[in-house]
Amino acid sequence: MKYIVTGVDGQLGGRVAENMLNSVPGNNLIFTCRNHKYLSQEKRQRWKEKGVSVREADYDDKKGMVLAFKGGNRIYIVSSIINGPQRVIQHKNVVDAALEAGIEHLTYTSFLGANRAGYSQYVIPDHTETEKYIAASGIEYNIMRNNLYAENYLINSVFLANISSNKWITPAGDGKATFVAKDDSGRVAAALLLGKGKKIKITTSPAEIF
């Protein structure tokens, strides 16, 4: 069984990659990123020494992704970092490339509320459209609906405090939010990639996996 992890140069994809290395031999893994230059030489070397195949896969280059995904059986797709129509096109490219490469199962990082009619959040339309495309593709899949990442807010709070006299002011008022840790999301993604999720079932809670 060959497992593919996309976006390994990113914070979430990188976590998934390391979790997979703790679970299966490196020669069963294919790690992809948009460009090798975004990976440190140390990391690339360490992964290759463990037998990992490190390949380039650009979400705007479907033909290149088909080649990068060849030989894989199951794939983890991290969502693109841009928002809007181009993001949806990129996601469709990845799904199409996975199908053409013969991938049997797909795990996708979506967002909380992407399946709720009338639920409003600026990133949701992209994920809703992608989820529908995956469901209609015929491939077996699991979809993660992650919430806001706690680390992003911790980082932003430090940055904003540094430029605003140690004050962090937001328009939230008495509004409340829930957050998820990237470490937890990385563990759940690896579990789904390894086959611990239920087939053709959208997963919203780690409790459904473990």
N, C-alpha and C. Protein backbone atom coordinates (compact mmCIF):
# COMPACT_ATOMS: atom_id res chain seq x y z
N MET A 1 0.84 -1.19 0.00
CA MET A 1 0.00 0.00 0.00
C MET A 1 0.88 1.25 0.00
N LYS A 2 0.62 2.15 -0.94
CA LYS A 2 1.38 3.40 -1.04
C LYS A 2 0.47 4.56 -0.65
N TYR A 3 0.97 5.39 0.26
CA TYR A 3 0.22 6.53 0.76
C TYR A 3 0.85 7.82 0.27
N ILE A 4 0.00 8.76 -0.19
CA ILE A 4 0.47 10.05 -0.67
C ILE A 4 0.02 11.14 0.29
N VAL A 5 0.94 12.02 0.65
CA VAL A 5 0.62 13.20 1.45
C VAL A 5 0.98 14.42 0.63
N THR A 6 0.01 15.28 0.36
CA THR A 6 0.29 16.51 -0.39
C THR A 6 0.61 17.64 0.58
N GLY A 7 1.21 18.69 0.05
CA GLY A 7 1.47 19.89 0.84
C GLY A 7 2.39 19.68 2.02
N VAL A 8 3.39 18.82 1.86
CA VAL A 8 4.26 18.49 3.00
C VAL A 8 5.18 19.65 3.39
N ASP A 9 5.22 20.70 2.56
CA ASP A 9 5.99 21.88 2.91
C ASP A 9 5.21 22.81 3.83
N GLY A 10 3.92 22.52 4.06
CA GLY A 10 3.09 23.34 4.91
C GLY A 10 3.03 22.83 6.34
N GLN A 11 2.40 23.61 7.21
CA GLN A 11 2.35 23.25 8.62
C GLN A 11 1.48 22.02 8.87
N LEU A 12 0.33 21.93 8.22
CA LEU A 12 -0.54 20.77 8.43
C LEU A 12 -0.05 19.55 7.66
N GLY A 13 0.24 19.73 6.38
CA GLY A 13 0.75 18.62 5.59
C GLY A 13 2.04 18.06 6.15
N GLY A 14 2.89 18.94 6.69
CA GLY A 14 4.13 18.48 7.31
C GLY A 14 3.88 17.61 8.52
N ARG A 15 2.86 17.96 9.29
CA ARG A 15 2.50 17.15 10.46
C ARG A 15 1.98 15.79 10.03
N VAL A 16 1.14 15.78 8.99
CA VAL A 16 0.61 14.51 8.49
C VAL A 16 1.76 13.62 8.01
N ALA A 17 2.71 14.22 7.31
CA ALA A 17 3.86 13.47 6.80
C ALA A 17 4.63 12.80 7.94
N GLU A 18 4.91 13.55 8.99
CA GLU A 18 5.67 12.98 10.11
C GLU A 18 4.87 11.89 10.82
N ASN A 19 3.57 12.07 10.96
CA ASN A 19 2.74 11.03 11.57
C ASN A 19 2.74 9.75 10.74
N MET A 20 2.72 9.90 9.42
CA MET A 20 2.76 8.73 8.57
C MET A 20 4.09 8.00 8.69
N LEU A 21 5.17 8.76 8.81
CA LEU A 21 6.49 8.14 8.98
C LEU A 21 6.58 7.34 10.27
N ASN A 22 5.79 7.72 11.26
CA ASN A 22 5.77 6.99 12.53
C ASN A 22 4.90 5.74 12.46
N SER A 23 4.18 5.57 11.35
CA SER A 23 3.21 4.47 11.24
C SER A 23 3.57 3.42 10.20
N VAL A 24 4.23 3.84 9.11
CA VAL A 24 4.54 2.90 8.03
C VAL A 24 5.97 3.15 7.55
N PRO A 25 6.59 2.15 6.91
CA PRO A 25 7.94 2.34 6.37
C PRO A 25 7.97 3.45 5.31
N GLY A 26 9.08 4.14 5.24
CA GLY A 26 9.21 5.23 4.30
C GLY A 26 9.01 4.84 2.85
N ASN A 27 9.36 3.60 2.50
CA ASN A 27 9.20 3.20 1.10
C ASN A 27 7.75 2.97 0.71
N ASN A 28 6.83 3.15 1.66
CA ASN A 28 5.40 3.09 1.36
C ASN A 28 4.79 4.48 1.26
N LEU A 29 5.64 5.51 1.24
CA LEU A 29 5.16 6.88 1.29
C LEU A 29 5.63 7.70 0.09
N ILE A 30 4.71 8.55 -0.39
CA ILE A 30 5.02 9.54 -1.41
C ILE A 30 4.62 10.90 -0.84
N PHE A 31 5.57 11.80 -0.70
CA PHE A 31 5.30 13.14 -0.19
C PHE A 31 5.40 14.13 -1.36
N THR A 32 4.45 15.06 -1.44
CA THR A 32 4.50 16.04 -2.52
C THR A 32 4.41 17.47 -1.99
N CYS A 33 5.02 18.37 -2.73
CA CYS A 33 4.91 19.80 -2.45
C CYS A 33 4.98 20.53 -3.79
N ARG A 34 4.59 21.79 -3.79
CA ARG A 34 4.53 22.53 -5.06
C ARG A 34 5.90 22.68 -5.70
N ASN A 35 6.91 22.92 -4.87
CA ASN A 35 8.26 23.09 -5.39
C ASN A 35 9.25 22.65 -4.31
N HIS A 36 10.25 21.90 -4.71
CA HIS A 36 11.23 21.40 -3.74
C HIS A 36 11.92 22.53 -2.96
N LYS A 37 11.95 23.71 -3.54
CA LYS A 37 12.65 24.82 -2.88
C LYS A 37 11.97 25.21 -1.57
N TYR A 38 10.71 24.82 -1.40
CA TYR A 38 10.00 25.17 -0.17
C TYR A 38 10.29 24.18 0.96
N LEU A 39 11.03 23.13 0.66
CA LEU A 39 11.42 22.16 1.68
C LEU A 39 12.88 22.38 2.06
N SER A 40 13.18 22.27 3.33
CA SER A 40 14.58 22.39 3.74
C SER A 40 15.36 21.19 3.23
N GLN A 41 16.64 21.42 2.94
CA GLN A 41 17.49 20.34 2.46
C GLN A 41 17.59 19.24 3.50
N GLU A 42 17.61 19.64 4.77
CA GLU A 42 17.70 18.66 5.86
C GLU A 42 16.50 17.74 5.87
N LYS A 43 15.32 18.30 5.69
CA LYS A 43 14.09 17.49 5.72
C LYS A 43 14.03 16.56 4.51
N ARG A 44 14.33 17.09 3.35
CA ARG A 44 14.32 16.25 2.15
C ARG A 44 15.28 15.08 2.29
N GLN A 45 16.47 15.37 2.80
CA GLN A 45 17.48 14.33 2.95
C GLN A 45 17.05 13.27 3.95
N ARG A 46 16.47 13.73 5.06
CA ARG A 46 16.02 12.79 6.11
C ARG A 46 14.92 11.88 5.57
N TRP A 47 13.98 12.46 4.85
CA TRP A 47 12.90 11.66 4.30
C TRP A 47 13.42 10.65 3.27
N LYS A 48 14.31 11.11 2.41
CA LYS A 48 14.84 10.21 1.38
C LYS A 48 15.63 9.06 2.00
N GLU A 49 16.36 9.35 3.07
CA GLU A 49 17.11 8.29 3.75
C GLU A 49 16.18 7.24 4.35
N LYS A 50 14.96 7.64 4.65
CA LYS A 50 13.97 6.72 5.18
C LYS A 50 13.21 5.99 4.06
N GLY A 51 13.53 6.33 2.82
CA GLY A 51 12.91 5.64 1.69
C GLY A 51 11.71 6.34 1.09
N VAL A 52 11.41 7.55 1.56
CA VAL A 52 10.26 8.30 1.06
C VAL A 52 10.56 8.84 -0.35
N SER A 53 9.56 8.76 -1.22
CA SER A 53 9.66 9.39 -2.53
C SER A 53 9.11 10.80 -2.42
N VAL A 54 9.96 11.81 -2.61
CA VAL A 54 9.56 13.21 -2.49
C VAL A 54 9.41 13.79 -3.90
N ARG A 55 8.19 14.22 -4.23
CA ARG A 55 7.89 14.66 -5.59
C ARG A 55 7.24 16.04 -5.59
N GLU A 56 7.32 16.72 -6.74
CA GLU A 56 6.66 18.00 -6.90
C GLU A 56 5.26 17.79 -7.47
N ALA A 57 4.28 18.51 -6.93
CA ALA A 57 2.90 18.43 -7.41
C ALA A 57 2.26 19.79 -7.23
N ASP A 58 2.06 20.48 -8.32
CA ASP A 58 1.46 21.83 -8.32
C ASP A 58 -0.02 21.69 -8.63
N TYR A 59 -0.87 22.26 -7.78
CA TYR A 59 -2.32 22.14 -7.97
C TYR A 59 -2.81 22.79 -9.27
N ASP A 60 -1.98 23.63 -9.88
CA ASP A 60 -2.34 24.24 -11.16
C ASP A 60 -1.88 23.39 -12.35
N ASP A 61 -1.18 22.31 -12.08
CA ASP A 61 -0.59 21.47 -13.13
C ASP A 61 -1.12 20.04 -13.00
N LYS A 62 -2.26 19.79 -13.63
CA LYS A 62 -2.89 18.47 -13.51
C LYS A 62 -1.99 17.37 -14.07
N LYS A 63 -1.41 17.59 -15.23
CA LYS A 63 -0.57 16.57 -15.85
C LYS A 63 0.60 16.21 -14.94
N GLY A 64 1.22 17.22 -14.33
CA GLY A 64 2.32 16.96 -13.42
C GLY A 64 1.89 16.18 -12.20
N MET A 65 0.67 16.47 -11.72
CA MET A 65 0.17 15.75 -10.54
C MET A 65 -0.12 14.29 -10.86
N VAL A 66 -0.60 14.03 -12.05
CA VAL A 66 -0.86 12.63 -12.44
C VAL A 66 0.44 11.83 -12.33
N LEU A 67 1.53 12.41 -12.82
CA LEU A 67 2.82 11.74 -12.74
C LEU A 67 3.29 11.59 -11.28
N ALA A 68 3.07 12.65 -10.49
CA ALA A 68 3.50 12.61 -9.09
C ALA A 68 2.73 11.58 -8.28
N PHE A 69 1.46 11.37 -8.63
CA PHE A 69 0.61 10.46 -7.86
C PHE A 69 0.70 9.00 -8.32
N LYS A 70 1.37 8.76 -9.44
CA LYS A 70 1.46 7.41 -9.97
C LYS A 70 2.10 6.46 -8.95
N GLY A 71 1.48 5.30 -8.80
CA GLY A 71 1.99 4.30 -7.88
C GLY A 71 1.36 4.39 -6.51
N GLY A 72 0.58 5.45 -6.26
CA GLY A 72 -0.07 5.60 -4.96
C GLY A 72 -1.43 4.92 -4.92
N ASN A 73 -1.87 4.54 -3.73
CA ASN A 73 -3.18 3.92 -3.53
C ASN A 73 -4.16 4.82 -2.79
N ARG A 74 -3.65 5.53 -1.78
CA ARG A 74 -4.49 6.40 -0.97
C ARG A 74 -3.80 7.76 -0.86
N ILE A 75 -4.61 8.83 -0.88
CA ILE A 75 -4.03 10.17 -0.90
C ILE A 75 -4.69 11.07 0.13
N TYR A 76 -3.87 11.89 0.75
CA TYR A 76 -4.35 12.97 1.62
C TYR A 76 -4.16 14.28 0.86
N ILE A 77 -5.25 15.02 0.68
CA ILE A 77 -5.21 16.29 -0.04
C ILE A 77 -5.47 17.43 0.93
N VAL A 78 -4.48 18.26 1.14
CA VAL A 78 -4.67 19.45 1.96
C VAL A 78 -5.22 20.54 1.06
N SER A 79 -6.13 21.35 1.57
CA SER A 79 -6.75 22.39 0.75
C SER A 79 -5.74 23.45 0.35
N SER A 80 -6.00 24.09 -0.77
CA SER A 80 -5.14 25.15 -1.27
C SER A 80 -5.16 26.35 -0.32
N ILE A 81 -4.13 27.17 -0.39
CA ILE A 81 -4.03 28.30 0.54
C ILE A 81 -4.73 29.56 0.02
N ILE A 82 -5.20 29.53 -1.23
CA ILE A 82 -5.89 30.71 -1.75
C ILE A 82 -7.40 30.52 -1.57
N ASN A 83 -8.15 31.61 -1.71
CA ASN A 83 -9.60 31.54 -1.61
C ASN A 83 -10.25 32.01 -2.91
N GLY A 84 -11.46 31.48 -3.16
CA GLY A 84 -12.19 31.92 -4.33
C GLY A 84 -12.23 30.89 -5.45
N PRO A 85 -12.73 31.28 -6.62
CA PRO A 85 -12.92 30.34 -7.74
C PRO A 85 -11.67 29.58 -8.14
N GLN A 86 -10.50 30.23 -8.09
CA GLN A 86 -9.27 29.55 -8.49
C GLN A 86 -8.96 28.39 -7.56
N ARG A 87 -9.32 28.53 -6.29
CA ARG A 87 -9.10 27.45 -5.32
C ARG A 87 -9.93 26.23 -5.69
N VAL A 88 -11.18 26.46 -6.07
CA VAL A 88 -12.05 25.35 -6.46
C VAL A 88 -11.49 24.64 -7.68
N ILE A 89 -11.00 25.41 -8.64
CA ILE A 89 -10.39 24.82 -9.83
C ILE A 89 -9.18 23.98 -9.45
N GLN A 90 -8.36 24.49 -8.55
CA GLN A 90 -7.19 23.74 -8.10
C GLN A 90 -7.60 22.42 -7.44
N HIS A 91 -8.62 22.48 -6.59
CA HIS A 91 -9.08 21.26 -5.91
C HIS A 91 -9.61 20.24 -6.92
N LYS A 92 -10.34 20.72 -7.90
CA LYS A 92 -10.84 19.80 -8.94
C LYS A 92 -9.68 19.19 -9.71
N ASN A 93 -8.65 19.97 -9.97
CA ASN A 93 -7.46 19.43 -10.65
C ASN A 93 -6.85 18.29 -9.86
N VAL A 94 -6.75 18.47 -8.53
CA VAL A 94 -6.15 17.42 -7.70
C VAL A 94 -6.99 16.16 -7.72
N VAL A 95 -8.30 16.31 -7.58
CA VAL A 95 -9.20 15.15 -7.60
C VAL A 95 -9.10 14.43 -8.94
N ASP A 96 -9.16 15.19 -10.03
CA ASP A 96 -9.07 14.59 -11.37
C ASP A 96 -7.74 13.87 -11.57
N ALA A 97 -6.66 14.49 -11.09
CA ALA A 97 -5.34 13.86 -11.22
C ALA A 97 -5.27 12.57 -10.42
N ALA A 98 -5.85 12.58 -9.23
CA ALA A 98 -5.86 11.38 -8.40
C ALA A 98 -6.61 10.25 -9.08
N LEU A 99 -7.75 10.57 -9.67
CA LEU A 99 -8.53 9.56 -10.38
C LEU A 99 -7.75 9.01 -11.57
N GLU A 100 -7.14 9.91 -12.34
CA GLU A 100 -6.40 9.48 -13.52
C GLU A 100 -5.18 8.64 -13.14
N ALA A 101 -4.61 8.92 -11.97
CA ALA A 101 -3.43 8.17 -11.52
C ALA A 101 -3.79 6.84 -10.89
N GLY A 102 -5.10 6.57 -10.73
CA GLY A 102 -5.53 5.28 -10.19
C GLY A 102 -5.63 5.23 -8.68
N ILE A 103 -5.72 6.39 -8.02
CA ILE A 103 -5.86 6.43 -6.57
C ILE A 103 -7.20 5.80 -6.17
N GLU A 104 -7.18 5.03 -5.09
CA GLU A 104 -8.38 4.30 -4.66
C GLU A 104 -9.18 5.01 -3.58
N HIS A 105 -8.51 5.83 -2.78
CA HIS A 105 -9.19 6.50 -1.66
C HIS A 105 -8.58 7.87 -1.46
N LEU A 106 -9.45 8.83 -1.10
CA LEU A 106 -9.04 10.22 -0.97
C LEU A 106 -9.50 10.77 0.38
N THR A 107 -8.60 11.46 1.07
CA THR A 107 -8.94 12.19 2.29
C THR A 107 -8.71 13.67 2.02
N TYR A 108 -9.71 14.49 2.33
CA TYR A 108 -9.64 15.91 2.00
C TYR A 108 -9.85 16.77 3.25
N THR A 109 -9.08 17.84 3.36
CA THR A 109 -9.20 18.79 4.46
C THR A 109 -10.19 19.87 4.08
N SER A 110 -11.38 19.81 4.67
CA SER A 110 -12.43 20.80 4.42
C SER A 110 -12.55 21.72 5.63
N PHE A 111 -13.73 22.34 5.78
CA PHE A 111 -13.92 23.30 6.87
C PHE A 111 -15.28 23.07 7.52
N LEU A 112 -15.33 23.30 8.82
CA LEU A 112 -16.55 23.11 9.59
C LEU A 112 -17.71 23.93 8.99
N GLY A 113 -18.84 23.25 8.77
CA GLY A 113 -20.02 23.93 8.25
C GLY A 113 -20.15 23.90 6.75
N ALA A 114 -19.21 23.25 6.05
CA ALA A 114 -19.26 23.23 4.59
C ALA A 114 -20.49 22.49 4.06
N ASN A 115 -21.12 21.67 4.89
CA ASN A 115 -22.31 20.93 4.47
C ASN A 115 -23.60 21.55 5.02
N ARG A 116 -23.51 22.74 5.63
CA ARG A 116 -24.69 23.36 6.23
C ARG A 116 -25.26 24.43 5.31
N ALA A 117 -26.49 24.23 4.89
CA ALA A 117 -27.15 25.25 4.07
C ALA A 117 -27.34 26.51 4.90
N GLY A 118 -26.96 27.65 4.34
CA GLY A 118 -27.15 28.92 5.02
C GLY A 118 -26.08 29.29 6.02
N TYR A 119 -25.11 28.40 6.24
CA TYR A 119 -24.02 28.69 7.18
C TYR A 119 -23.03 29.59 6.48
N SER A 120 -22.68 30.70 7.08
CA SER A 120 -21.88 31.72 6.41
C SER A 120 -20.48 31.83 7.01
N GLN A 121 -19.49 31.67 6.19
CA GLN A 121 -18.08 31.88 6.54
C GLN A 121 -17.35 32.03 5.22
N TYR A 122 -16.45 32.98 5.11
CA TYR A 122 -15.94 33.34 3.78
C TYR A 122 -15.20 32.23 3.07
N VAL A 123 -14.65 31.24 3.79
CA VAL A 123 -13.92 30.16 3.11
C VAL A 123 -14.82 28.99 2.75
N ILE A 124 -16.04 28.97 3.26
CA ILE A 124 -16.89 27.78 3.11
C ILE A 124 -17.30 27.46 1.67
N PRO A 125 -17.70 28.46 0.84
CA PRO A 125 -18.14 28.10 -0.52
C PRO A 125 -17.14 27.25 -1.29
N ASP A 126 -15.86 27.53 -1.13
CA ASP A 126 -14.83 26.74 -1.84
C ASP A 126 -14.88 25.28 -1.40
N HIS A 127 -15.01 25.06 -0.10
CA HIS A 127 -15.03 23.69 0.43
C HIS A 127 -16.32 22.98 0.08
N THR A 128 -17.44 23.70 0.12
CA THR A 128 -18.72 23.09 -0.24
C THR A 128 -18.68 22.57 -1.68
N GLU A 129 -18.17 23.40 -2.57
CA GLU A 129 -18.07 23.00 -3.98
C GLU A 129 -17.13 21.82 -4.15
N THR A 130 -16.01 21.83 -3.43
CA THR A 130 -15.05 20.73 -3.52
C THR A 130 -15.64 19.44 -2.98
N GLU A 131 -16.33 19.50 -1.85
CA GLU A 131 -16.97 18.31 -1.29
C GLU A 131 -17.96 17.69 -2.27
N LYS A 132 -18.76 18.53 -2.92
CA LYS A 132 -19.73 18.03 -3.90
C LYS A 132 -19.01 17.34 -5.06
N TYR A 133 -17.90 17.92 -5.48
CA TYR A 133 -17.14 17.35 -6.60
C TYR A 133 -16.55 15.99 -6.22
N ILE A 134 -16.02 15.90 -5.02
CA ILE A 134 -15.47 14.63 -4.56
C ILE A 134 -16.55 13.56 -4.47
N ALA A 135 -17.70 13.94 -3.89
CA ALA A 135 -18.79 12.98 -3.72
C ALA A 135 -19.30 12.48 -5.06
N ALA A 136 -19.28 13.34 -6.07
CA ALA A 136 -19.78 12.95 -7.40
C ALA A 136 -18.74 12.20 -8.23
N SER A 137 -17.50 12.18 -7.77
CA SER A 137 -16.42 11.59 -8.56
C SER A 137 -16.44 10.07 -8.60
N GLY A 138 -17.06 9.47 -7.58
CA GLY A 138 -17.11 8.01 -7.51
C GLY A 138 -15.99 7.39 -6.71
N ILE A 139 -15.01 8.18 -6.29
CA ILE A 139 -13.90 7.65 -5.52
C ILE A 139 -14.32 7.46 -4.06
N GLU A 140 -13.75 6.49 -3.38
CA GLU A 140 -13.98 6.36 -1.95
C GLU A 140 -13.26 7.50 -1.25
N TYR A 141 -13.88 8.05 -0.21
CA TYR A 141 -13.29 9.23 0.41
C TYR A 141 -13.68 9.38 1.87
N ASN A 142 -12.91 10.17 2.56
CA ASN A 142 -13.25 10.72 3.87
C ASN A 142 -12.99 12.21 3.82
N ILE A 143 -13.83 12.99 4.45
CA ILE A 143 -13.66 14.44 4.48
C ILE A 143 -13.54 14.90 5.92
N MET A 144 -12.47 15.61 6.20
CA MET A 144 -12.27 16.24 7.51
C MET A 144 -12.84 17.65 7.46
N ARG A 145 -13.62 18.01 8.47
CA ARG A 145 -14.10 19.39 8.53
C ARG A 145 -13.43 20.07 9.72
N ASN A 146 -12.25 20.58 9.48
CA ASN A 146 -11.49 21.24 10.53
C ASN A 146 -12.11 22.58 10.90
N ASN A 147 -11.89 23.00 12.14
CA ASN A 147 -12.32 24.32 12.57
C ASN A 147 -11.15 25.29 12.47
N LEU A 148 -11.30 26.47 13.01
CA LEU A 148 -10.23 27.46 13.04
C LEU A 148 -9.02 26.89 13.78
N TYR A 149 -7.83 27.12 13.25
CA TYR A 149 -6.63 26.59 13.88
C TYR A 149 -6.18 27.49 15.03
N ALA A 150 -6.02 26.91 16.19
CA ALA A 150 -5.63 27.67 17.38
C ALA A 150 -4.28 28.36 17.16
N GLU A 151 -3.35 27.67 16.50
CA GLU A 151 -2.01 28.23 16.31
C GLU A 151 -2.05 29.54 15.52
N ASN A 152 -2.96 29.63 14.55
CA ASN A 152 -3.05 30.84 13.75
C ASN A 152 -3.37 32.06 14.62
N TYR A 153 -4.25 31.86 15.59
CA TYR A 153 -4.65 32.97 16.44
C TYR A 153 -3.57 33.30 17.46
N LEU A 154 -2.87 32.29 17.91
CA LEU A 154 -1.77 32.56 18.84
C LEU A 154 -0.68 33.35 18.15
N ILE A 155 -0.37 32.99 16.93
CA ILE A 155 0.66 33.69 16.17
C ILE A 155 0.21 35.12 15.88
N ASN A 156 -1.06 35.26 15.45
CA ASN A 156 -1.57 36.59 15.12
C ASN A 156 -1.62 37.50 16.34
N SER A 157 -1.95 36.91 17.51
CA SER A 157 -2.05 37.73 18.71
C SER A 157 -0.69 38.32 19.08
N VAL A 158 0.35 37.52 18.93
CA VAL A 158 1.70 38.02 19.23
C VAL A 158 2.09 39.11 18.24
N PHE A 159 1.80 38.87 16.97
CA PHE A 159 2.14 39.86 15.94
C PHE A 159 1.40 41.17 16.16
N LEU A 160 0.09 41.07 16.42
CA LEU A 160 -0.71 42.28 16.60
C LEU A 160 -0.31 43.03 17.86
N ALA A 161 0.03 42.27 18.91
CA ALA A 161 0.45 42.93 20.15
C ALA A 161 1.72 43.73 19.93
N ASN A 162 2.59 43.22 19.08
CA ASN A 162 3.86 43.90 18.83
C ASN A 162 3.69 45.21 18.08
N ILE A 163 2.60 45.34 17.32
CA ILE A 163 2.41 46.56 16.52
C ILE A 163 1.30 47.44 17.06
N SER A 164 0.72 47.08 18.21
CA SER A 164 -0.40 47.87 18.73
C SER A 164 -0.29 48.10 20.23
N SER A 165 0.92 48.41 20.70
CA SER A 165 1.15 48.73 22.11
C SER A 165 0.66 47.63 23.05
N ASN A 166 0.94 46.39 22.65
CA ASN A 166 0.58 45.22 23.47
C ASN A 166 -0.92 45.09 23.71
N LYS A 167 -1.71 45.56 22.75
CA LYS A 167 -3.16 45.40 22.83
C LYS A 167 -3.64 44.58 21.62
N TRP A 168 -4.52 43.65 21.90
CA TRP A 168 -5.13 42.86 20.81
C TRP A 168 -6.60 43.17 20.80
N ILE A 169 -7.03 43.95 19.81
CA ILE A 169 -8.42 44.39 19.73
C ILE A 169 -9.09 43.76 18.52
N THR A 170 -10.26 43.15 18.75
CA THR A 170 -11.00 42.52 17.66
C THR A 170 -12.45 42.98 17.70
N PRO A 171 -13.20 42.81 16.60
CA PRO A 171 -14.60 43.20 16.58
C PRO A 171 -15.53 42.08 17.06
N ALA A 172 -14.99 41.08 17.73
CA ALA A 172 -15.80 39.92 18.10
C ALA A 172 -16.83 40.22 19.19
N GLY A 173 -16.55 41.23 20.00
CA GLY A 173 -17.47 41.52 21.10
C GLY A 173 -17.58 40.33 22.05
N ASP A 174 -18.80 39.90 22.31
CA ASP A 174 -19.03 38.74 23.17
C ASP A 174 -19.10 37.44 22.37
N GLY A 175 -18.75 37.52 21.09
CA GLY A 175 -18.80 36.33 20.26
C GLY A 175 -17.83 35.26 20.72
N LYS A 176 -18.19 34.00 20.49
CA LYS A 176 -17.36 32.88 20.91
C LYS A 176 -16.94 32.06 19.70
N ALA A 177 -15.84 31.39 19.84
CA ALA A 177 -15.35 30.54 18.75
C ALA A 177 -14.71 29.30 19.34
N THR A 178 -14.71 28.25 18.57
CA THR A 178 -14.01 27.03 18.97
C THR A 178 -12.83 26.84 18.03
N PHE A 179 -11.79 26.21 18.54
CA PHE A 179 -10.57 26.05 17.77
C PHE A 179 -10.11 24.59 17.81
N VAL A 180 -9.25 24.25 16.85
CA VAL A 180 -8.66 22.92 16.81
C VAL A 180 -7.15 23.08 16.69
N ALA A 181 -6.42 22.19 17.31
CA ALA A 181 -4.96 22.23 17.21
C ALA A 181 -4.50 21.53 15.94
N LYS A 182 -3.50 22.08 15.30
CA LYS A 182 -2.99 21.46 14.07
C LYS A 182 -2.41 20.07 14.35
N ASP A 183 -1.85 19.88 15.54
CA ASP A 183 -1.34 18.55 15.89
C ASP A 183 -2.46 17.52 15.87
N ASP A 184 -3.62 17.88 16.42
CA ASP A 184 -4.76 16.97 16.43
C ASP A 184 -5.26 16.71 15.02
N SER A 185 -5.35 17.76 14.21
CA SER A 185 -5.78 17.60 12.83
C SER A 185 -4.82 16.71 12.05
N GLY A 186 -3.53 16.86 12.32
CA GLY A 186 -2.54 16.03 11.65
C GLY A 186 -2.66 14.57 12.01
N ARG A 187 -2.99 14.30 13.27
CA ARG A 187 -3.16 12.89 13.70
C ARG A 187 -4.41 12.28 13.07
N VAL A 188 -5.50 13.06 13.03
CA VAL A 188 -6.73 12.56 12.43
C VAL A 188 -6.54 12.29 10.94
N ALA A 189 -5.86 13.22 10.26
CA ALA A 189 -5.63 13.04 8.82
C ALA A 189 -4.83 11.77 8.55
N ALA A 190 -3.80 11.53 9.35
CA ALA A 190 -2.99 10.32 9.16
C ALA A 190 -3.83 9.07 9.42
N ALA A 191 -4.68 9.12 10.43
CA ALA A 191 -5.54 7.97 10.72
C ALA A 191 -6.47 7.67 9.55
N LEU A 192 -7.05 8.71 8.97
CA LEU A 192 -7.93 8.52 7.82
C LEU A 192 -7.16 7.98 6.62
N LEU A 193 -5.98 8.53 6.40
CA LEU A 193 -5.16 8.07 5.28
C LEU A 193 -4.80 6.60 5.44
N LEU A 194 -4.61 6.17 6.67
CA LEU A 194 -4.27 4.77 6.95
C LEU A 194 -5.48 3.84 6.88
N GLY A 195 -6.68 4.42 6.72
CA GLY A 195 -7.86 3.58 6.55
C GLY A 195 -8.70 3.38 7.79
N LYS A 196 -8.51 4.22 8.81
CA LYS A 196 -9.26 4.06 10.05
C LYS A 196 -10.62 4.73 10.01
N GLY A 197 -10.94 5.43 8.93
CA GLY A 197 -12.26 6.03 8.80
C GLY A 197 -13.22 5.07 8.12
N LYS A 198 -14.49 5.38 8.17
CA LYS A 198 -15.50 4.56 7.49
C LYS A 198 -15.59 5.00 6.04
N LYS A 199 -15.74 4.04 5.15
CA LYS A 199 -15.76 4.34 3.73
C LYS A 199 -16.99 5.19 3.36
N ILE A 200 -16.77 6.14 2.47
CA ILE A 200 -17.83 7.00 1.94
C ILE A 200 -18.63 7.61 3.08
N LYS A 201 -17.93 8.04 4.12
CA LYS A 201 -18.61 8.68 5.25
C LYS A 201 -17.87 9.96 5.59
N ILE A 202 -18.61 11.06 5.67
CA ILE A 202 -18.00 12.33 6.03
C ILE A 202 -17.76 12.34 7.53
N THR A 203 -16.54 12.56 7.92
CA THR A 203 -16.15 12.48 9.33
C THR A 203 -15.98 13.87 9.92
N THR A 204 -16.63 14.13 11.05
CA THR A 204 -16.54 15.44 11.66
C THR A 204 -15.89 15.40 13.03
N SER A 205 -15.66 14.22 13.57
CA SER A 205 -15.12 14.13 14.92
C SER A 205 -14.08 13.03 15.00
N PRO A 206 -12.97 13.30 15.68
CA PRO A 206 -11.96 12.25 15.87
C PRO A 206 -12.55 11.02 16.55
N ALA A 207 -13.61 11.19 17.33
CA ALA A 207 -14.21 10.07 18.04
C ALA A 207 -14.77 9.04 17.07
N GLU A 208 -15.09 9.46 15.85
CA GLU A 208 -15.60 8.53 14.85
C GLU A 208 -14.49 7.68 14.25
N ILE A 209 -13.24 8.08 14.49
CA ILE A 209 -12.12 7.39 13.88
C ILE A 209 -11.46 6.42 14.85
N PHE A 210 -11.21 6.88 16.06
CA PHE A 210 -10.45 6.10 17.00
C PHE A 210 -11.36 5.25 17.89
